[in-house]
């Protein structure tokens, strides 16, 4: 059995026991989180999609830290290299149940 959920503007295919990385969610490690926006569910009866009254619950495993913009500069004997980057904060969630 699996479900397709939407969170943080992205869609994820999840099953019970999966760990997923999603956009940062409010909460600390060990807290329960519920995803209400379920797009599809697949079980032994087939696939159900559309307006579903289902939820997916999970547990926050780890919170990502807020990373600032990464800037590194390098001057060698020839040329000048500069790198600008960004690391998005994330939350690691372990799916515990799919409630239909």
Protein backbone atom coordinates (compact mmCIF):
# COMPACT_ATOMS: atom_id res chain seq x y z
CA UNK A 1 0.00 0.00 0.00
CA UNK A 2 1.29 3.45 -0.88
CA UNK A 3 0.00 7.00 -1.07
CA UNK A 4 0.92 10.11 -3.01
CA UNK A 5 1.05 13.19 -0.79
CA UNK A 6 1.68 16.86 -1.49
CA UNK A 7 3.74 19.04 0.84
CA UNK A 8 6.01 22.00 0.29
CA UNK A 9 4.89 22.34 -3.33
CA UNK A 10 6.16 18.84 -4.21
CA UNK A 11 4.58 15.40 -4.49
CA UNK A 12 5.97 12.31 -2.76
CA UNK A 13 5.10 8.63 -3.16
CA UNK A 14 5.24 7.13 0.35
CA UNK A 15 4.63 3.78 2.02
CA UNK A 16 4.62 2.83 5.70
CA UNK A 17 8.18 2.83 7.02
CA UNK A 18 9.61 5.15 4.35
CA UNK A 19 11.79 8.11 5.30
CA UNK A 20 11.42 11.19 3.14
CA UNK A 21 13.10 14.60 3.03
CA UNK A 22 10.55 17.40 2.78
CA UNK A 23 10.64 21.18 3.00
CA UNK A 24 11.13 22.37 6.57
CA UNK A 25 8.14 21.69 8.84
CA UNK A 26 7.37 23.16 12.24
CA UNK A 27 8.14 20.85 15.13
CA UNK A 28 10.97 19.05 16.88
CA UNK A 29 12.38 15.55 16.46
CA UNK A 30 10.01 12.91 17.83
CA UNK A 31 6.81 14.88 17.19
CA UNK A 32 3.96 13.58 15.05
CA UNK A 33 3.06 15.30 11.79
CA UNK A 34 -0.06 14.78 9.65
CA UNK A 35 -0.28 15.29 5.89
CA UNK A 36 -3.88 16.06 4.92
CA UNK A 37 -3.37 16.62 1.21
CA UNK A 38 -3.43 13.05 -0.14
CA UNK A 39 -3.66 12.90 -3.93
CA UNK A 40 -3.89 9.13 -4.49
CA UNK A 41 -3.92 5.84 -2.60
CA UNK A 42 -3.06 2.41 -3.93
CA UNK A 43 -3.96 -0.80 -2.13
CA UNK A 44 -5.02 -4.35 -3.03
CA UNK A 45 -8.32 -2.98 -4.39
CA UNK A 46 -6.60 -0.71 -6.94
CA UNK A 47 -5.80 2.97 -7.19
CA UNK A 48 -8.08 5.68 -5.82
CA UNK A 49 -7.48 9.27 -6.83
CA UNK A 50 -9.30 12.55 -6.57
CA UNK A 51 -11.19 13.89 -3.55
CA UNK A 52 -10.07 11.50 -0.78
CA UNK A 53 -10.80 11.62 2.94
CA UNK A 54 -7.40 10.21 3.86
CA UNK A 55 -4.40 11.30 5.89
CA UNK A 56 -0.81 10.19 6.21
CA UNK A 57 0.85 10.41 9.62
CA UNK A 58 4.53 10.39 10.31
CA UNK A 59 7.16 11.16 12.88
CA UNK A 60 9.84 13.82 12.54
CA UNK A 61 13.20 12.05 12.67
CA UNK A 62 15.52 15.01 12.17
CA UNK A 63 15.21 18.73 11.63
CA UNK A 64 17.57 20.35 9.16
CA UNK A 65 19.32 23.48 10.30
CA UNK A 66 18.89 26.84 8.66
CA UNK A 67 21.84 27.22 6.37
CA UNK A 68 22.91 30.62 5.20
CA UNK A 69 24.12 31.41 1.73
CA UNK A 70 27.41 29.69 1.04
CA UNK A 71 30.00 32.04 -0.43
CA UNK A 72 33.54 31.01 -1.16
CA UNK A 73 36.17 33.09 -2.90
CA UNK A 74 39.44 31.92 -4.35
CA UNK A 75 42.37 33.83 -5.76
CA UNK A 76 45.08 31.85 -7.45
CA UNK A 77 47.93 33.00 -9.58
CA UNK A 78 45.55 33.05 -12.54
CA UNK A 79 41.96 34.17 -12.50
CA UNK A 80 39.47 34.72 -9.72
CA UNK A 81 36.82 32.18 -8.82
CA UNK A 82 33.77 32.91 -6.72
CA UNK A 83 31.04 30.45 -5.78
CA UNK A 84 27.61 31.40 -4.49
CA UNK A 85 25.33 28.67 -3.22
CA UNK A 86 22.28 27.93 -1.13
CA UNK A 87 21.25 24.93 0.94
CA UNK A 88 17.55 24.51 1.64
CA UNK A 89 16.55 23.52 5.20
CA UNK A 90 14.76 20.17 5.30
CA UNK A 91 12.89 17.87 7.65
CA UNK A 92 13.33 14.09 7.64
CA UNK A 93 10.00 12.32 8.24
CA UNK A 94 9.36 8.59 8.82
CA UNK A 95 5.89 7.56 7.62
CA UNK A 96 4.06 5.60 10.32
CA UNK A 97 0.52 5.13 8.98
CA UNK A 98 -1.72 5.70 5.97
CA UNK A 99 -5.27 6.32 7.19
CA UNK A 100 -8.08 5.82 4.68
